């Protein structure tokens, strides 16, 4: 008879890949992607999986291809007459079948249009690839024809009032000009981007451009603004580091690092001596820019640092709660620190901490003193404490250092629970096997990144990325901490097999079927 067991920690369900499609009907459609799907215009007798009303779109314009080995989507333009632009760049012909496959990430903007994108065709098509938008999310249309200035934000006096708590009270102004619009950032806490590029002060906005204000997406479509009013969004983090150098390029610390993690992932970062763990963390934080891209929810951190810096941050080593403070006052204290007074009133902060207490399940404890709480309740408060701000990625550099085994496990449980709230948590740890579910003995980590220092160029390379069991199998070990023995040099008590495992991992990565 099979024994039923309680599983306390499970990865948060990943949102399905979704396509937001807008054609000349100006009615946004959210289409869930399911396997390989074809794209083209509405045509009698032969229909593609995804169809649009557009004379400039081909009958079989392009293909969305699902790569099940990595769980990602690629797009191919089928050598269509007018082509496909992705993030403003036209896909070029690769062979007789079509373009080279383009790997899609959250927020990528696909567009069928004429060459002059600033003057779009009346039947142009916009598609936004999403993995952080919920399929049932509502979208609104706003007529701009009689307006010159459009204020946008959470405040009640705005022309477009947002419910997005990450948006500032007076986030932005759209001002009409002879050539379109100009968007002005009102020194918002979480910034603005236009077509994926951060706005510093103000920026020109053309028809069919896509604006991002905190979690809200706004699309300019003729005389209409199309926008959502989301709850706090989930997302993913894509790390693509070609090189990270110091000493004016004379020394390379990291080379060829690439992986993607999603909301709900609890990620262990392991690395041999001098392999670049801290360098990787700094690159992801934007503190020590690398050659490459750090993409959070479709936006490049290095190009949108103002709007993204508050969404990626370090977690303190171990949180000590003041025992004579109430739960509510504890959370209000951190709200005063994380939520700028200019953009968030006391009522906004109270609304935020009430939302977090409900999410974590401690609303009934809000008036209790910390010293009155059980150990499990204190852990819940610690989780809520971290969630008050708007970070989507939490990075922890040795959060278990100097702690006893019981405290290490408790700290890891707190971090795991943070990830369960649609967050990404990344941890450097020297005692990874203490991060276990005490009831099942299973690891709390969902993904493992292993860096190793190559003797060929003395730079850190990716020696593995994947789940815990595959990591153990890759290195032929029973414990995660034994991976270090495999890749560390002999003078540090290791086997010196870093190059072997770097090459083994490279060989294991199959190229996409359609690239």
Protein backbone atom coordinates (compact mmCIF):
# COMPACT_ATOMS: atom_id res chain seq x y z
CA UNK A 1 0.00 0.00 0.00
CA UNK A 2 1.32 3.42 -0.95
CA UNK A 3 1.95 5.67 2.04
CA UNK A 4 0.56 9.18 1.81
CA UNK A 5 2.94 11.88 3.01
CA UNK A 6 2.65 15.59 3.51
CA UNK A 7 4.88 17.72 1.29
CA UNK A 8 5.39 21.12 2.86
CA UNK A 9 7.38 22.73 0.08
CA UNK A 10 6.48 22.55 -3.58
CA UNK A 11 7.66 24.78 -6.43
CA UNK A 12 5.17 27.53 -7.24
CA UNK A 13 3.27 26.67 -10.43
CA UNK A 14 4.88 28.39 -13.40
CA UNK A 15 2.53 30.52 -15.47
CA UNK A 16 2.06 29.20 -19.00
CA UNK A 17 3.62 31.06 -21.89
CA UNK A 18 1.02 33.51 -23.19
CA UNK A 19 0.83 35.74 -26.24
CA UNK A 20 -0.87 39.14 -26.00
CA UNK A 21 -2.03 39.85 -29.56
CA UNK A 22 -3.35 43.18 -30.87
CA UNK A 23 -4.36 43.70 -34.50
CA UNK A 24 -6.30 46.47 -36.28
CA UNK A 25 -9.49 45.54 -34.40
CA UNK A 26 -7.78 47.04 -31.31
CA UNK A 27 -9.12 44.23 -29.14
CA UNK A 28 -6.34 42.60 -27.07
CA UNK A 29 -6.40 38.81 -27.04
CA UNK A 30 -4.49 36.63 -24.59
CA UNK A 31 -3.61 33.33 -26.26
CA UNK A 32 -1.97 30.54 -24.22
CA UNK A 33 0.81 28.84 -26.17
CA UNK A 34 0.47 25.05 -26.25
CA UNK A 35 3.23 23.23 -28.10
CA UNK A 36 4.18 24.28 -31.63
CA UNK A 37 1.75 26.89 -33.02
CA UNK A 38 1.57 28.62 -36.42
CA UNK A 39 0.83 32.31 -36.90
CA UNK A 40 -0.81 34.10 -39.86
CA UNK A 41 -3.67 36.25 -41.08
CA UNK A 42 -7.31 35.20 -41.15
CA UNK A 43 -7.84 33.43 -44.46
CA UNK A 44 -10.76 31.37 -45.75
CA UNK A 45 -10.10 27.69 -46.10
CA UNK A 46 -6.82 27.41 -44.22
CA UNK A 47 -6.27 28.80 -40.74
CA UNK A 48 -3.18 29.02 -38.58
CA UNK A 49 -3.33 28.33 -34.84
CA UNK A 50 -2.96 32.06 -34.11
CA UNK A 51 -4.75 34.36 -36.55
CA UNK A 52 -4.98 38.13 -36.90
CA UNK A 53 -6.93 40.56 -39.05
CA UNK A 54 -4.13 42.18 -41.03
CA UNK A 55 -3.55 42.52 -44.77
CA UNK A 56 0.22 42.89 -44.25
CA UNK A 57 0.52 39.59 -42.36
CA UNK A 58 1.22 36.47 -44.41
CA UNK A 59 -1.08 33.45 -44.53
CA UNK A 60 1.63 31.43 -42.79
CA UNK A 61 3.72 34.28 -41.45
CA UNK A 62 5.65 32.58 -38.67
CA UNK A 63 5.93 29.71 -36.20
CA UNK A 64 6.13 29.49 -32.42
CA UNK A 65 8.25 26.42 -31.70
CA UNK A 66 8.33 24.74 -28.28
CA UNK A 67 11.64 23.19 -27.23
CA UNK A 68 10.65 20.61 -24.61
CA UNK A 69 14.28 19.91 -23.67
CA UNK A 70 14.51 23.38 -22.09
CA UNK A 71 10.85 24.29 -21.69
CA UNK A 72 11.21 27.45 -23.80
CA UNK A 73 9.70 28.92 -26.96
CA UNK A 74 11.41 30.04 -30.15
CA UNK A 75 9.95 32.11 -32.99
CA UNK A 76 10.71 31.69 -36.70
CA UNK A 77 9.64 34.06 -39.48
CA UNK A 78 8.68 31.97 -42.52
CA UNK A 79 10.42 34.36 -44.95
CA UNK A 80 7.23 36.43 -44.98
CA UNK A 81 6.90 39.41 -47.31
CA UNK A 82 6.87 42.04 -44.55
CA UNK A 83 8.88 40.09 -41.99
CA UNK A 84 8.77 40.11 -38.21
CA UNK A 85 10.47 42.61 -35.91
CA UNK A 86 11.45 41.48 -32.42
CA UNK A 87 12.30 44.24 -29.98
CA UNK A 88 12.74 46.61 -32.93
CA UNK A 89 15.09 44.41 -35.00
CA UNK A 90 13.91 42.58 -38.11
CA UNK A 91 14.60 38.84 -38.28
CA UNK A 92 16.79 38.13 -41.29
CA UNK A 93 16.40 35.23 -43.71
CA UNK A 94 18.53 32.26 -42.57
CA UNK A 95 17.64 29.55 -45.09
CA UNK A 96 14.89 28.61 -47.53
CA UNK A 97 12.55 27.77 -44.68
CA UNK A 98 12.83 30.98 -42.77
CA UNK A 99 14.77 33.02 -40.24
CA UNK A 100 17.06 31.73 -37.54
CA UNK A 101 15.05 30.73 -34.48
CA UNK A 102 14.81 33.50 -31.88
CA UNK A 103 14.62 32.35 -28.26
CA UNK A 104 11.76 34.21 -26.57
CA UNK A 105 11.87 35.60 -23.05
CA UNK A 106 9.22 37.34 -20.98
CA UNK A 107 8.35 40.77 -22.38
CA UNK A 108 9.72 40.29 -25.93
CA UNK A 109 7.78 42.45 -28.43
CA UNK A 110 7.01 40.92 -31.83
CA UNK A 111 5.70 43.22 -34.56
CA UNK A 112 4.52 42.88 -38.14
CA UNK A 113 4.85 46.31 -39.73
CA UNK A 114 6.53 48.36 -42.45
CA UNK A 115 10.17 49.39 -42.23
CA UNK A 116 9.50 52.78 -40.64
CA UNK A 117 8.32 51.62 -37.22
CA UNK A 118 7.77 55.21 -36.05
CA UNK A 119 4.96 55.46 -38.64
CA UNK A 120 3.17 52.13 -38.31
CA UNK A 121 0.94 50.63 -40.96
CA UNK A 122 -2.83 50.83 -40.15
CA UNK A 123 -2.94 47.02 -40.12
CA UNK A 124 0.25 46.44 -38.16
CA UNK A 125 0.23 43.70 -35.52
CA UNK A 126 1.79 43.68 -32.05
CA UNK A 127 2.40 40.50 -30.04
CA UNK A 128 3.98 40.45 -26.60
CA UNK A 129 5.39 37.16 -25.33
CA UNK A 130 4.57 36.79 -21.62
CA UNK A 131 5.39 34.36 -18.83
CA UNK A 132 4.54 36.81 -16.03
CA UNK A 133 1.02 37.77 -17.13
CA UNK A 134 -1.93 35.75 -15.93
CA UNK A 135 -4.14 34.38 -18.68
CA UNK A 136 -7.32 35.71 -16.98
CA UNK A 137 -5.89 39.20 -16.50
CA UNK A 138 -8.17 42.00 -17.70
CA UNK A 139 -7.10 44.67 -20.20
CA UNK A 140 -8.69 48.09 -20.65
CA UNK A 141 -8.99 50.54 -23.54
CA UNK A 142 -8.63 54.29 -23.03
CA UNK A 143 -9.55 56.87 -25.72
CA UNK A 144 -6.91 59.65 -25.95
CA UNK A 145 -8.42 61.80 -28.75
CA UNK A 146 -9.49 64.76 -26.61
CA UNK A 147 -6.51 64.82 -24.26
CA UNK A 148 -3.15 66.54 -24.37
CA UNK A 149 -1.83 65.49 -20.94
CA UNK A 150 -2.55 62.10 -19.39
CA UNK A 151 -1.41 61.54 -15.81
CA UNK A 152 -0.86 57.94 -14.74
CA UNK A 153 -0.49 56.50 -11.24
CA UNK A 154 -2.21 55.12 -8.16
CA UNK A 155 -3.44 58.51 -6.89
CA UNK A 156 -7.17 59.18 -7.22
CA UNK A 157 -6.65 62.38 -9.27
CA UNK A 158 -4.87 60.63 -12.17
CA UNK A 159 -6.51 60.41 -15.58
CA UNK A 160 -5.49 56.74 -15.69
CA UNK A 161 -5.63 55.36 -12.19
CA UNK A 162 -3.72 52.14 -11.58
CA UNK A 163 -4.39 49.50 -8.95
CA UNK A 164 -0.81 48.23 -9.28
CA UNK A 165 0.64 48.71 -5.77
CA UNK A 166 4.18 48.88 -7.22
CA UNK A 167 3.23 51.98 -9.21
CA UNK A 168 3.80 55.37 -7.60
CA UNK A 169 0.93 57.70 -6.71
CA UNK A 170 1.94 60.10 -9.51
CA UNK A 171 4.02 57.78 -11.62
CA UNK A 172 4.13 59.40 -15.08
CA UNK A 173 2.68 61.92 -17.51
CA UNK A 174 2.03 61.33 -21.22
CA UNK A 175 2.08 64.64 -23.12
CA UNK A 176 0.94 64.87 -26.73
CA UNK A 177 3.29 66.44 -29.29
CA UNK A 178 3.13 66.82 -33.11
CA UNK A 179 5.02 63.55 -33.64
CA UNK A 180 3.31 61.41 -31.04
CA UNK A 181 3.77 61.54 -27.27
CA UNK A 182 6.44 62.26 -24.67
CA UNK A 183 6.42 60.30 -21.43
CA UNK A 184 7.79 61.97 -18.29
CA UNK A 185 8.86 59.98 -15.24
CA UNK A 186 7.71 61.78 -12.06
CA UNK A 187 10.70 60.42 -10.12
CA UNK A 188 8.75 57.20 -9.56
CA UNK A 189 10.10 54.52 -7.27
CA UNK A 190 10.03 51.72 -9.85
CA UNK A 191 10.63 53.69 -13.07
CA UNK A 192 9.46 53.44 -16.68
CA UNK A 193 10.68 51.67 -19.80
CA UNK A 194 9.73 52.16 -23.45
CA UNK A 195 10.16 49.08 -25.67
CA UNK A 196 12.35 47.54 -22.97
CA UNK A 197 14.67 50.54 -22.53
CA UNK A 198 14.68 52.53 -19.32
CA UNK A 199 13.52 56.15 -19.33
CA UNK A 200 15.80 58.70 -17.72
CA UNK A 201 13.57 61.72 -17.14
CA UNK A 202 11.59 61.65 -20.40
CA UNK A 203 11.36 59.81 -23.70
CA UNK A 204 9.61 60.11 -27.05
CA UNK A 205 6.78 57.61 -27.54
CA UNK A 206 5.56 56.61 -31.00
CA UNK A 207 2.42 54.81 -32.07
CA UNK A 208 2.62 51.06 -31.28
CA UNK A 209 5.29 51.56 -28.61
CA UNK A 210 5.08 49.50 -25.41
CA UNK A 211 5.54 51.18 -22.02
CA UNK A 212 6.17 49.41 -18.73
CA UNK A 213 5.33 51.16 -15.44
CA UNK A 214 6.12 48.85 -12.52
CA UNK A 215 3.91 45.79 -13.24
CA UNK A 216 1.62 47.66 -15.67
CA UNK A 217 2.00 47.38 -19.45
CA UNK A 218 0.64 50.22 -21.63
CA UNK A 219 0.48 49.92 -25.42
CA UNK A 220 -0.03 52.99 -27.63
CA UNK A 221 -2.31 51.93 -30.47
CA UNK A 222 -3.49 54.86 -32.57
CA UNK A 223 -5.82 56.98 -30.42
CA UNK A 224 -6.14 54.24 -27.84
CA UNK A 225 -4.07 53.22 -24.84
CA UNK A 226 -4.37 49.53 -24.01
CA UNK A 227 -3.30 48.62 -20.48
CA UNK A 228 -3.72 46.06 -17.72
CA UNK A 229 -4.25 46.61 -14.01
CA UNK A 230 -2.33 43.64 -12.64
CA UNK A 231 -1.70 42.27 -9.24
CA UNK A 232 1.95 41.86 -8.32
CA UNK A 233 3.41 39.91 -11.21
CA UNK A 234 5.52 36.78 -11.21
CA UNK A 235 8.44 36.49 -13.57
CA UNK A 236 11.75 35.00 -14.54
CA UNK A 237 15.43 35.87 -14.48
CA UNK A 238 17.65 35.17 -17.48
CA UNK A 239 21.40 35.35 -16.95
CA UNK A 240 23.59 35.58 -20.05
CA UNK A 241 27.17 36.57 -19.22
CA UNK A 242 29.68 36.46 -22.07
CA UNK A 243 32.57 37.79 -19.98
CA UNK A 244 33.21 39.59 -16.71
CA UNK A 245 36.64 41.19 -16.57
CA UNK A 246 38.70 43.33 -14.20
CA UNK A 247 41.97 45.24 -14.50
CA UNK A 248 40.75 47.02 -17.66
CA UNK A 249 39.95 43.75 -19.38
CA UNK A 250 43.28 42.06 -18.64
CA UNK A 251 41.78 39.42 -16.31
CA UNK A 252 38.60 37.43 -16.99
CA UNK A 253 36.67 36.26 -13.92
CA UNK A 254 33.62 34.70 -15.60
CA UNK A 255 32.99 33.41 -19.09
CA UNK A 256 30.00 31.89 -20.94
CA UNK A 257 27.45 31.75 -18.11
CA UNK A 258 23.85 31.17 -19.18
CA UNK A 259 20.74 29.98 -17.33
CA UNK A 260 17.13 30.91 -16.57
CA UNK A 261 15.23 30.62 -13.29
CA UNK A 262 11.56 31.29 -12.64
CA UNK A 263 9.28 32.50 -9.86
CA UNK A 264 9.12 29.86 -7.16
CA UNK A 265 12.69 28.67 -7.73
CA UNK A 266 15.00 28.30 -4.73
CA UNK A 267 18.46 28.29 -6.32
CA UNK A 268 21.73 27.04 -4.84
CA UNK A 269 24.94 28.61 -6.19
CA UNK A 270 27.97 26.38 -5.67
CA UNK A 271 31.48 27.17 -6.86
CA UNK A 272 35.00 25.98 -6.61
CA UNK A 273 37.75 28.15 -5.25
CA UNK A 274 38.03 31.36 -7.30
CA UNK A 275 35.22 30.26 -9.63
CA UNK A 276 33.39 33.59 -9.36
CA UNK A 277 30.37 33.04 -7.11
CA UNK A 278 30.50 36.52 -5.61
CA UNK A 279 31.30 38.00 -9.03
CA UNK A 280 28.17 36.32 -10.42
CA UNK A 281 26.06 37.72 -7.58
CA UNK A 282 27.40 41.23 -8.16
CA UNK A 283 26.69 40.96 -11.89
CA UNK A 284 23.07 39.94 -11.19
CA UNK A 285 22.71 42.81 -8.71
CA UNK A 286 24.06 45.26 -11.29
CA UNK A 287 27.02 45.97 -9.00
CA UNK A 288 29.89 45.18 -11.33
CA UNK A 289 28.45 45.12 -14.85
CA UNK A 290 29.37 42.15 -17.02
CA UNK A 291 29.50 41.82 -20.80
CA UNK A 292 26.14 40.24 -21.51
CA UNK A 293 22.57 40.61 -20.28
CA UNK A 294 20.69 40.16 -17.04
CA UNK A 295 17.00 40.02 -18.02
CA UNK A 296 14.25 40.32 -15.41
CA UNK A 297 10.71 39.99 -16.75
CA UNK A 298 11.83 40.88 -20.24
CA UNK A 299 13.83 43.97 -19.24
CA UNK A 300 17.60 44.34 -19.34
CA UNK A 301 18.91 45.22 -15.88
CA UNK A 302 21.86 47.16 -17.28
CA UNK A 303 19.62 49.27 -19.52
CA UNK A 304 16.82 49.71 -16.94
CA UNK A 305 18.76 49.89 -13.69
CA UNK A 306 16.56 52.53 -12.07
CA UNK A 307 13.32 50.63 -12.57
CA UNK A 308 14.78 47.20 -11.75
CA UNK A 309 17.24 47.89 -8.93
CA UNK A 310 14.49 47.75 -6.28
CA UNK A 311 13.38 44.35 -7.62
CA UNK A 312 16.72 42.55 -7.08
CA UNK A 313 18.43 42.74 -3.72
CA UNK A 314 20.41 41.12 -0.95
CA UNK A 315 18.79 39.46 2.06
CA UNK A 316 20.37 40.10 5.48
CA UNK A 317 22.23 37.12 6.89
CA UNK A 318 19.74 36.40 9.68
CA UNK A 319 16.79 38.48 10.79
CA UNK A 320 16.51 39.24 14.52
CA UNK A 321 13.01 40.40 15.42
CA UNK A 322 12.50 42.81 18.33
CA UNK A 323 10.66 40.68 20.87
CA UNK A 324 8.59 43.47 22.44
CA UNK A 325 7.23 44.84 19.15
CA UNK A 326 3.94 43.67 17.69
CA UNK A 327 3.82 41.88 14.36
CA UNK A 328 2.05 44.82 12.73
CA UNK A 329 4.49 47.45 14.01
CA UNK A 330 7.42 45.25 12.93
CA UNK A 331 6.08 45.16 9.38
CA UNK A 332 5.22 48.86 9.43
CA UNK A 333 8.83 49.66 10.38
CA UNK A 334 10.17 47.86 7.31
CA UNK A 335 7.46 49.45 5.12
CA UNK A 336 8.73 52.88 6.22
CA UNK A 337 12.20 51.86 5.01
CA UNK A 338 11.30 50.08 1.75
CA UNK A 339 8.37 52.21 0.55
CA UNK A 340 9.35 55.79 -0.21
CA UNK A 341 7.31 58.42 1.64
CA UNK A 342 6.85 60.46 -1.54
CA UNK A 343 5.15 57.61 -3.35
CA UNK A 344 3.45 55.72 -0.52
CA UNK A 345 1.19 57.25 2.12
CA UNK A 346 0.59 55.65 5.52
CA UNK A 347 -2.65 54.23 4.16
CA UNK A 348 -0.75 52.69 1.20
CA UNK A 349 1.73 51.07 3.58
CA UNK A 350 -1.04 49.70 5.79
CA UNK A 351 -2.74 48.29 2.72
CA UNK A 352 0.51 46.66 1.65
CA UNK A 353 1.27 45.01 5.00
CA UNK A 354 -2.34 43.83 5.33
CA UNK A 355 -2.01 42.23 1.89
CA UNK A 356 1.26 40.54 2.88
CA UNK A 357 -0.09 39.31 6.24
CA UNK A 358 -3.05 37.74 4.47
CA UNK A 359 -0.79 36.13 1.86
CA UNK A 360 1.54 34.64 4.49
CA UNK A 361 -1.31 33.69 6.84
CA UNK A 362 -0.52 35.82 9.90
CA UNK A 363 -3.39 38.34 9.88
CA UNK A 364 -4.71 36.86 13.14
CA UNK A 365 -1.29 37.49 14.76
CA UNK A 366 -0.93 41.17 13.82
CA UNK A 367 -1.43 42.47 17.39
CA UNK A 368 0.67 39.75 19.07
CA UNK A 369 4.10 40.63 20.43
CA UNK A 370 6.99 38.79 18.78
CA UNK A 371 7.88 37.12 22.10
CA UNK A 372 4.41 35.58 22.24
CA UNK A 373 4.89 33.73 18.96
CA UNK A 374 5.95 30.14 18.41
CA UNK A 375 9.05 29.34 16.37
CA UNK A 376 6.95 28.59 13.28
CA UNK A 377 5.00 31.84 13.65
CA UNK A 378 8.23 33.84 13.93
CA UNK A 379 9.40 32.28 10.66
CA UNK A 380 6.18 33.41 9.02
CA UNK A 381 6.78 36.97 10.27
CA UNK A 382 10.34 36.82 8.90
CA UNK A 383 8.95 35.85 5.50
CA UNK A 384 6.40 38.70 5.60
CA UNK A 385 9.19 41.11 6.61
CA UNK A 386 11.05 40.38 3.37
CA UNK A 387 7.93 40.53 1.18
CA UNK A 388 6.82 44.05 2.12
CA UNK A 389 8.91 45.63 -0.63
CA UNK A 390 8.70 44.77 -4.31
CA UNK A 391 11.75 42.56 -4.77
CA UNK A 392 11.27 39.73 -7.23
CA UNK A 393 14.78 38.30 -6.79
CA UNK A 394 16.41 37.74 -3.39
CA UNK A 395 20.13 36.96 -3.30
CA UNK A 396 21.81 35.62 -0.19
CA UNK A 397 25.59 35.37 0.14
CA UNK A 398 26.26 32.67 2.75
CA UNK A 399 23.15 33.35 4.88
CA UNK A 400 23.96 30.26 6.98
CA UNK A 401 27.55 31.27 7.80
CA UNK A 402 28.36 31.06 11.51
CA UNK A 403 25.05 29.43 12.43
CA UNK A 404 24.54 26.05 14.10
CA UNK A 405 22.84 23.26 12.13
CA UNK A 406 19.36 23.95 13.53
CA UNK A 407 19.60 27.67 12.78
CA UNK A 408 20.91 26.95 9.26
CA UNK A 409 17.90 24.78 8.55
CA UNK A 410 15.54 27.42 9.96
CA UNK A 411 17.13 30.15 7.84
CA UNK A 412 16.80 28.02 4.71
CA UNK A 413 13.16 27.26 5.49
CA UNK A 414 12.46 31.01 5.68
CA UNK A 415 14.19 31.61 2.35
CA UNK A 416 12.34 28.69 0.78
CA UNK A 417 9.01 30.10 1.90
CA UNK A 418 9.92 33.49 0.41
CA UNK A 419 10.42 31.76 -2.95
CA UNK A 420 6.99 30.13 -2.57
CA UNK A 421 5.43 33.60 -2.76
CA UNK A 422 6.17 33.95 -6.50
CA UNK A 423 9.77 35.06 -5.86
CA UNK A 424 13.20 33.85 -6.96
CA UNK A 425 15.68 33.19 -4.15
CA UNK A 426 19.36 32.51 -4.93
CA UNK A 427 21.74 31.33 -2.21
CA UNK A 428 25.50 30.83 -1.91
CA UNK A 429 25.99 28.18 0.79
CA UNK A 430 28.83 25.99 2.04
CA UNK A 431 26.42 23.70 3.92
CA UNK A 432 23.79 23.02 1.23
CA UNK A 433 22.78 19.63 2.60
CA UNK A 434 21.34 21.30 5.72
CA UNK A 435 18.66 22.87 3.52
CA UNK A 436 16.23 19.97 3.77
CA UNK A 437 12.60 19.37 4.53
CA UNK A 438 12.85 17.91 8.03
CA UNK A 439 9.79 15.71 7.45
CA UNK A 440 10.77 14.19 4.09
CA UNK A 441 14.56 14.61 4.02
CA UNK A 442 14.29 16.14 0.53
CA UNK A 443 16.34 19.15 -0.51
CA UNK A 444 14.59 22.51 -0.40
CA UNK A 445 16.44 23.69 -3.51
CA UNK A 446 14.73 23.49 -6.90
CA UNK A 447 17.76 24.45 -9.03
CA UNK A 448 21.54 24.24 -8.70
CA UNK A 449 24.14 26.46 -10.41
CA UNK A 450 27.72 25.15 -10.24
CA UNK A 451 30.67 27.31 -11.25
CA UNK A 452 34.14 25.87 -11.74
CA UNK A 453 37.47 27.53 -12.51
CA UNK A 454 38.96 26.32 -15.77
CA UNK A 455 42.72 25.71 -15.95
CA UNK A 456 42.56 26.73 -19.63
CA UNK A 457 41.78 30.40 -19.02
CA UNK A 458 41.61 30.69 -15.20
CA UNK A 459 38.01 31.96 -15.50
CA UNK A 460 34.85 30.66 -13.89
CA UNK A 461 32.63 28.61 -16.22
CA UNK A 462 29.27 26.89 -15.83
CA UNK A 463 29.87 23.27 -14.83
CA UNK A 464 26.18 22.48 -14.25
CA UNK A 465 22.69 23.95 -14.16
CA UNK A 466 19.60 21.90 -13.33
CA UNK A 467 17.75 20.21 -10.49
CA UNK A 468 19.26 18.69 -7.35
CA UNK A 469 19.08 15.01 -8.34
CA UNK A 470 20.54 15.70 -11.79
CA UNK A 471 23.35 17.69 -10.14
CA UNK A 472 24.28 14.72 -7.93
CA UNK A 473 24.18 12.40 -10.93
CA UNK A 474 26.27 14.78 -13.07
CA UNK A 475 29.06 14.85 -10.47
CA UNK A 476 28.60 11.26 -9.25
CA UNK A 477 28.06 12.24 -5.61
CA UNK A 478 25.46 11.55 -2.92
CA UNK A 479 25.67 14.96 -1.23
CA UNK A 480 25.65 18.44 -2.73
CA UNK A 481 28.64 19.55 -0.67
CA UNK A 482 30.70 16.71 -2.19
CA UNK A 483 30.50 18.49 -5.53
CA UNK A 484 33.16 20.82 -4.18
CA UNK A 485 35.55 17.87 -3.70
CA UNK A 486 35.15 16.98 -7.37
CA UNK A 487 35.95 20.44 -8.74
CA UNK A 488 38.36 21.97 -6.20
CA UNK A 489 42.12 21.71 -6.94
CA UNK A 490 44.21 19.05 -5.14
CA UNK A 491 45.97 21.66 -2.99
CA UNK A 492 42.58 22.42 -1.46
CA UNK A 493 41.70 18.79 -0.86
CA UNK A 494 39.82 18.32 -4.14
CA UNK A 495 40.16 16.04 -7.14
CA UNK A 496 40.92 18.86 -9.58
CA UNK A 497 38.29 17.80 -12.15
CA UNK A 498 36.91 21.28 -12.94
CA UNK A 499 37.78 21.13 -16.66
CA UNK A 500 36.26 17.65 -16.97
CA UNK A 501 32.89 18.76 -15.56
CA UNK A 502 32.84 22.02 -17.55
CA UNK A 503 33.34 20.02 -20.76
CA UNK A 504 30.85 17.35 -19.66
CA UNK A 505 28.15 19.96 -19.06
CA UNK A 506 28.81 21.65 -22.42
CA UNK A 507 28.53 18.30 -24.19
CA UNK A 508 25.21 17.57 -22.46
CA UNK A 509 23.55 20.70 -23.83
CA UNK A 510 21.73 19.91 -27.02
CA UNK A 511 21.33 22.70 -29.55
CA UNK A 512 17.71 23.73 -30.16
CA UNK A 513 16.04 21.76 -32.95
CA UNK A 514 15.29 24.83 -35.07
CA UNK A 515 18.33 27.05 -34.56
